[in-house]
Amino acid sequence: SLPNPERPFQEKTCDSAMRRLKEARAGSP
């Protein structure tokens, strides 16, 4: 159920980029 942390950075809005940043900062097992 985890998103692929290696997927390309394609976010087009600041809000979506911030969600992705939060996810990346949390790290992935």
All heavy atoms as atom14 arrays in JSON, in Angstrom:
{
  "sequence": "SLPNPERPFQEKTCDSAMRRLKEARAGSP",
  "atom14_mask": [
    [1, 1, 1, 1, 1, 1, 0, 0, 0, 0, 0, 0, 0, 0],
    [1, 1, 1, 1, 1, 1, 1, 1, 0, 0, 0, 0, 0, 0],
    [1, 1, 1, 1, 1, 1, 1, 0, 0, 0, 0, 0, 0, 0],
    [1, 1, 1, 1, 1, 1, 1, 1, 0, 0, 0, 0, 0, 0],
    [1, 1, 1, 1, 1, 1, 1, 0, 0, 0, 0, 0, 0, 0],
    [1, 1, 1, 1, 1, 1, 1, 1, 1, 0, 0, 0, 0, 0],
    [1, 1, 1, 1, 1, 1, 1, 1, 1, 1, 1, 0, 0, 0],
    [1, 1, 1, 1, 1, 1, 1, 0, 0, 0, 0, 0, 0, 0],
    [1, 1, 1, 1, 1, 1, 1, 1, 1, 1, 1, 0, 0, 0],
    [1, 1, 1, 1, 1, 1, 1, 1, 1, 0, 0, 0, 0, 0],
    [1, 1, 1, 1, 1, 1, 1, 1, 1, 0, 0, 0, 0, 0],
    [1, 1, 1, 1, 1, 1, 1, 1, 1, 0, 0, 0, 0, 0],
    [1, 1, 1, 1, 1, 1, 1, 0, 0, 0, 0, 0, 0, 0],
    [1, 1, 1, 1, 1, 1, 0, 0, 0, 0, 0, 0, 0, 0],
    [1, 1, 1, 1, 1, 1, 1, 1, 0, 0, 0, 0, 0, 0],
    [1, 1, 1, 1, 1, 1, 0, 0, 0, 0, 0, 0, 0, 0],
    [1, 1, 1, 1, 1, 0, 0, 0, 0, 0, 0, 0, 0, 0],
    [1, 1, 1, 1, 1, 1, 1, 1, 0, 0, 0, 0, 0, 0],
    [1, 1, 1, 1, 1, 1, 1, 1, 1, 1, 1, 0, 0, 0],
    [1, 1, 1, 1, 1, 1, 1, 1, 1, 1, 1, 0, 0, 0],
    [1, 1, 1, 1, 1, 1, 1, 1, 0, 0, 0, 0, 0, 0],
    [1, 1, 1, 1, 1, 1, 1, 1, 1, 0, 0, 0, 0, 0],
    [1, 1, 1, 1, 1, 1, 1, 1, 1, 0, 0, 0, 0, 0],
    [1, 1, 1, 1, 1, 0, 0, 0, 0, 0, 0, 0, 0, 0],
    [1, 1, 1, 1, 1, 1, 1, 1, 1, 1, 1, 0, 0, 0],
    [1, 1, 1, 1, 1, 0, 0, 0, 0, 0, 0, 0, 0, 0],
    [1, 1, 1, 1, 0, 0, 0, 0, 0, 0, 0, 0, 0, 0],
    [1, 1, 1, 1, 1, 1, 0, 0, 0, 0, 0, 0, 0, 0],
    [1, 1, 1, 1, 1, 1, 1, 0, 0, 0, 0, 0, 0, 0]
  ],
  "atom14_positions": [
    [[0.8, -1.22, 0.0], [0.0, 0.0, 0.0], [0.84, 1.28, 0.0], [0.3, 2.36, -0.13], [-0.93, 0.01, 1.21], [-0.17, 0.07, 2.41], [0.0, 0.0, 0.0], [0.0, 0.0, 0.0], [0.0, 0.0, 0.0], [0.0, 0.0, 0.0], [0.0, 0.0, 0.0], [0.0, 0.0, 0.0], [0.0, 0.0, 0.0], [0.0, 0.0, 0.0]],
    [[2.16, 1.17, 0.14], [3.01, 2.35, 0.15], [3.23, 2.88, -1.26], [3.41, 2.1, -2.19], [4.37, 2.02, 0.77], [4.38, 1.66, 2.24], [5.77, 1.19, 2.65], [3.95, 2.83, 3.09], [0.0, 0.0, 0.0], [0.0, 0.0, 0.0], [0.0, 0.0, 0.0], [0.0, 0.0, 0.0], [0.0, 0.0, 0.0], [0.0, 0.0, 0.0]],
    [[3.25, 4.22, -1.42], [3.57, 4.77, -2.75], [5.03, 4.51, -3.08], [5.88, 4.39, -2.19], [3.28, 6.26, -2.59], [3.36, 6.52, -1.13], [3.0, 5.24, -0.44], [0.0, 0.0, 0.0], [0.0, 0.0, 0.0], [0.0, 0.0, 0.0], [0.0, 0.0, 0.0], [0.0, 0.0, 0.0], [0.0, 0.0, 0.0], [0.0, 0.0, 0.0]],
    [[5.33, 4.45, -4.34], [6.7, 4.24, -4.79], [7.51, 5.51, -4.52], [7.28, 6.54, -5.16], [6.71, 3.91, -6.28], [8.11, 3.77, -6.84], [9.09, 3.84, -6.11], [8.19, 3.59, -8.14], [0.0, 0.0, 0.0], [0.0, 0.0, 0.0], [0.0, 0.0, 0.0], [0.0, 0.0, 0.0], [0.0, 0.0, 0.0], [0.0, 0.0, 0.0]],
    [[8.48, 5.47, -3.6], [9.24, 6.67, -3.3], [10.15, 7.11, -4.44], [10.59, 8.26, -4.49], [10.07, 6.28, -2.07], [10.11, 4.79, -2.09], [8.87, 4.33, -2.79], [0.0, 0.0, 0.0], [0.0, 0.0, 0.0], [0.0, 0.0, 0.0], [0.0, 0.0, 0.0], [0.0, 0.0, 0.0], [0.0, 0.0, 0.0], [0.0, 0.0, 0.0]],
    [[10.39, 6.24, -5.41], [11.25, 6.56, -6.55], [10.47, 7.11, -7.74], [11.06, 7.38, -8.78], [12.03, 5.31, -6.99], [13.05, 4.84, -5.98], [14.35, 5.65, -6.01], [14.45, 6.64, -6.74], [15.26, 5.26, -5.28], [0.0, 0.0, 0.0], [0.0, 0.0, 0.0], [0.0, 0.0, 0.0], [0.0, 0.0, 0.0], [0.0, 0.0, 0.0]],
    [[9.15, 7.29, -7.6], [8.38, 7.81, -8.74], [8.86, 9.24, -9.06], [9.37, 9.94, -8.19], [6.89, 7.77, -8.45], [6.42, 8.74, -7.38], [4.97, 8.43, -6.98], [4.45, 9.4, -6.06], [4.66, 9.41, -4.76], [5.41, 8.49, -4.2], [4.12, 10.33, -4.0], [0.0, 0.0, 0.0], [0.0, 0.0, 0.0], [0.0, 0.0, 0.0]],
    [[8.73, 9.66, -10.3], [9.22, 10.98, -10.7], [8.51, 12.11, -9.95], [7.34, 11.98, -9.56], [8.89, 11.06, -12.19], [8.63, 9.66, -12.62], [8.15, 8.91, -11.41], [0.0, 0.0, 0.0], [0.0, 0.0, 0.0], [0.0, 0.0, 0.0], [0.0, 0.0, 0.0], [0.0, 0.0, 0.0], [0.0, 0.0, 0.0], [0.0, 0.0, 0.0]],
    [[9.22, 13.19, -9.77], [8.62, 14.39, -9.16], [7.9, 15.15, -10.27], [8.53, 15.82, -11.08], [9.7, 15.26, -8.52], [10.29, 14.64, -7.29], [11.48, 13.94, -7.35], [9.64, 14.72, -6.07], [12.03, 13.35, -6.23], [10.18, 14.13, -4.93], [11.37, 13.45, -5.01], [0.0, 0.0, 0.0], [0.0, 0.0, 0.0], [0.0, 0.0, 0.0]],
    [[6.58, 15.01, -10.32], [5.79, 15.63, -11.38], [4.68, 16.52, -10.83], [3.79, 16.91, -11.58], [5.17, 14.55, -12.27], [6.2, 13.68, -12.96], [5.57, 12.59, -13.8], [4.44, 12.17, -13.59], [6.33, 12.12, -14.78], [0.0, 0.0, 0.0], [0.0, 0.0, 0.0], [0.0, 0.0, 0.0], [0.0, 0.0, 0.0], [0.0, 0.0, 0.0]],
    [[4.74, 16.84, -9.57], [3.69, 17.67, -8.97], [3.66, 19.04, -9.63], [4.71, 19.63, -9.88], [3.91, 17.8, -7.46], [3.73, 16.5, -6.7], [4.85, 15.49, -6.9], [5.96, 15.88, -7.29], [4.6, 14.3, -6.69], [0.0, 0.0, 0.0], [0.0, 0.0, 0.0], [0.0, 0.0, 0.0], [0.0, 0.0, 0.0], [0.0, 0.0, 0.0]],
    [[2.46, 19.52, -9.93], [2.3, 20.77, -10.67], [1.86, 21.93, -9.78], [1.92, 23.08, -10.2], [1.27, 20.61, -11.79], [1.61, 19.49, -12.76], [2.75, 19.86, -13.65], [2.93, 18.8, -14.72], [4.3, 18.51, -15.02], [0.0, 0.0, 0.0], [0.0, 0.0, 0.0], [0.0, 0.0, 0.0], [0.0, 0.0, 0.0], [0.0, 0.0, 0.0]],
    [[1.37, 21.63, -8.57], [0.92, 22.69, -7.67], [1.76, 22.67, -6.4], [2.34, 21.63, -6.04], [-0.56, 22.52, -7.28], [-0.7, 21.34, -6.48], [-1.46, 22.43, -8.51], [0.0, 0.0, 0.0], [0.0, 0.0, 0.0], [0.0, 0.0, 0.0], [0.0, 0.0, 0.0], [0.0, 0.0, 0.0], [0.0, 0.0, 0.0], [0.0, 0.0, 0.0]],
    [[1.81, 23.8, -5.73], [2.57, 23.89, -4.5], [1.99, 22.93, -3.45], [2.75, 22.26, -2.75], [2.57, 25.32, -3.98], [3.61, 25.57, -2.52], [0.0, 0.0, 0.0], [0.0, 0.0, 0.0], [0.0, 0.0, 0.0], [0.0, 0.0, 0.0], [0.0, 0.0, 0.0], [0.0, 0.0, 0.0], [0.0, 0.0, 0.0], [0.0, 0.0, 0.0]],
    [[0.68, 22.86, -3.37], [0.07, 21.97, -2.37], [0.46, 20.52, -2.61], [0.81, 19.81, -1.66], [-1.46, 22.11, -2.38], [-1.92, 23.43, -1.8], [-1.16, 24.06, -1.03], [-3.04, 23.85, -2.13], [0.0, 0.0, 0.0], [0.0, 0.0, 0.0], [0.0, 0.0, 0.0], [0.0, 0.0, 0.0], [0.0, 0.0, 0.0], [0.0, 0.0, 0.0]],
    [[0.43, 20.07, -3.85], [0.8, 18.67, -4.12], [2.29, 18.46, -3.91], [2.72, 17.41, -3.41], [0.37, 18.25, -5.53], [1.03, 19.01, -6.51], [0.0, 0.0, 0.0], [0.0, 0.0, 0.0], [0.0, 0.0, 0.0], [0.0, 0.0, 0.0], [0.0, 0.0, 0.0], [0.0, 0.0, 0.0], [0.0, 0.0, 0.0], [0.0, 0.0, 0.0]],
    [[3.12, 19.45, -4.24], [4.56, 19.34, -4.0], [4.86, 19.3, -2.51], [5.75, 18.57, -2.07], [5.3, 20.5, -4.67], [0.0, 0.0, 0.0], [0.0, 0.0, 0.0], [0.0, 0.0, 0.0], [0.0, 0.0, 0.0], [0.0, 0.0, 0.0], [0.0, 0.0, 0.0], [0.0, 0.0, 0.0], [0.0, 0.0, 0.0], [0.0, 0.0, 0.0]],
    [[4.1, 20.05, -1.72], [4.3, 20.04, -0.28], [3.89, 18.7, 0.33], [4.54, 18.2, 1.24], [3.53, 21.18, 0.38], [4.08, 22.56, 0.05], [5.81, 22.77, 0.57], [5.63, 22.68, 2.33], [0.0, 0.0, 0.0], [0.0, 0.0, 0.0], [0.0, 0.0, 0.0], [0.0, 0.0, 0.0], [0.0, 0.0, 0.0], [0.0, 0.0, 0.0]],
    [[2.82, 18.09, -0.2], [2.43, 16.75, 0.27], [3.53, 15.74, -0.04], [3.88, 14.9, 0.79], [1.1, 16.32, -0.35], [-0.11, 16.94, 0.3], [-1.41, 16.29, -0.16], [-1.64, 16.45, -1.59], [-2.21, 17.52, -2.15], [-2.61, 18.53, -1.41], [-2.39, 17.56, -3.46], [0.0, 0.0, 0.0], [0.0, 0.0, 0.0], [0.0, 0.0, 0.0]],
    [[4.1, 15.84, -1.23], [5.18, 14.93, -1.63], [6.42, 15.16, -0.76], [7.1, 14.22, -0.37], [5.5, 15.13, -3.11], [6.59, 14.25, -3.64], [6.14, 12.8, -3.78], [7.21, 11.93, -4.22], [7.56, 11.71, -5.48], [6.89, 12.28, -6.45], [8.55, 10.92, -5.77], [0.0, 0.0, 0.0], [0.0, 0.0, 0.0], [0.0, 0.0, 0.0]],
    [[6.71, 16.42, -0.45], [7.83, 16.74, 0.41], [7.63, 16.14, 1.8], [8.54, 15.55, 2.37], [8.03, 18.25, 0.5], [9.1, 18.75, 1.46], [10.46, 18.15, 1.13], [9.16, 20.27, 1.43], [0.0, 0.0, 0.0], [0.0, 0.0, 0.0], [0.0, 0.0, 0.0], [0.0, 0.0, 0.0], [0.0, 0.0, 0.0], [0.0, 0.0, 0.0]],
    [[6.44, 16.27, 2.33], [6.13, 15.71, 3.65], [6.34, 14.19, 3.63], [6.93, 13.61, 4.55], [4.69, 16.05, 4.05], [4.3, 15.54, 5.41], [2.88, 15.95, 5.75], [2.48, 15.39, 7.09], [1.09, 15.71, 7.43], [0.0, 0.0, 0.0], [0.0, 0.0, 0.0], [0.0, 0.0, 0.0], [0.0, 0.0, 0.0], [0.0, 0.0, 0.0]],
    [[5.87, 13.55, 2.58], [6.05, 12.1, 2.41], [7.53, 11.74, 2.35], [7.99, 10.8, 3.01], [5.35, 11.67, 1.13], [5.56, 10.23, 0.74], [5.05, 9.95, -0.66], [3.91, 10.35, -0.99], [5.8, 9.33, -1.44], [0.0, 0.0, 0.0], [0.0, 0.0, 0.0], [0.0, 0.0, 0.0], [0.0, 0.0, 0.0], [0.0, 0.0, 0.0]],
    [[8.3, 12.51, 1.57], [9.73, 12.22, 1.43], [10.48, 12.44, 2.74], [11.38, 11.67, 3.08], [10.33, 13.1, 0.32], [0.0, 0.0, 0.0], [0.0, 0.0, 0.0], [0.0, 0.0, 0.0], [0.0, 0.0, 0.0], [0.0, 0.0, 0.0], [0.0, 0.0, 0.0], [0.0, 0.0, 0.0], [0.0, 0.0, 0.0], [0.0, 0.0, 0.0]],
    [[10.11, 13.48, 3.47], [10.76, 13.74, 4.75], [10.48, 12.63, 5.76], [11.32, 12.33, 6.6], [10.31, 15.08, 5.32], [10.94, 16.26, 4.62], [10.45, 17.55, 5.21], [11.11, 18.7, 4.61], [10.69, 19.95, 4.78], [9.64, 20.21, 5.53], [11.34, 20.95, 4.2], [0.0, 0.0, 0.0], [0.0, 0.0, 0.0], [0.0, 0.0, 0.0]],
    [[9.3, 12.02, 5.68], [8.95, 10.92, 6.58], [9.77, 9.67, 6.26], [9.98, 8.82, 7.12], [7.46, 10.61, 6.49], [0.0, 0.0, 0.0], [0.0, 0.0, 0.0], [0.0, 0.0, 0.0], [0.0, 0.0, 0.0], [0.0, 0.0, 0.0], [0.0, 0.0, 0.0], [0.0, 0.0, 0.0], [0.0, 0.0, 0.0], [0.0, 0.0, 0.0]],
    [[10.22, 9.56, 5.02], [11.02, 8.41, 4.61], [10.14, 7.21, 4.27], [8.94, 7.21, 4.51], [0.0, 0.0, 0.0], [0.0, 0.0, 0.0], [0.0, 0.0, 0.0], [0.0, 0.0, 0.0], [0.0, 0.0, 0.0], [0.0, 0.0, 0.0], [0.0, 0.0, 0.0], [0.0, 0.0, 0.0], [0.0, 0.0, 0.0], [0.0, 0.0, 0.0]],
    [[10.77, 6.22, 3.71], [10.07, 5.0, 3.31], [10.83, 3.79, 3.84], [12.06, 3.73, 3.7], [9.99, 4.92, 1.79], [9.52, 3.64, 1.39], [0.0, 0.0, 0.0], [0.0, 0.0, 0.0], [0.0, 0.0, 0.0], [0.0, 0.0, 0.0], [0.0, 0.0, 0.0], [0.0, 0.0, 0.0], [0.0, 0.0, 0.0], [0.0, 0.0, 0.0]],
    [[10.11, 2.84, 4.41], [10.78, 1.61, 4.86], [11.31, 0.79, 3.69], [12.08, -0.14, 3.89], [9.69, 0.87, 5.63], [8.41, 1.38, 5.08], [8.68, 2.81, 4.68], [0.0, 0.0, 0.0], [0.0, 0.0, 0.0], [0.0, 0.0, 0.0], [0.0, 0.0, 0.0], [0.0, 0.0, 0.0], [0.0, 0.0, 0.0], [0.0, 0.0, 0.0]]
  ]
}
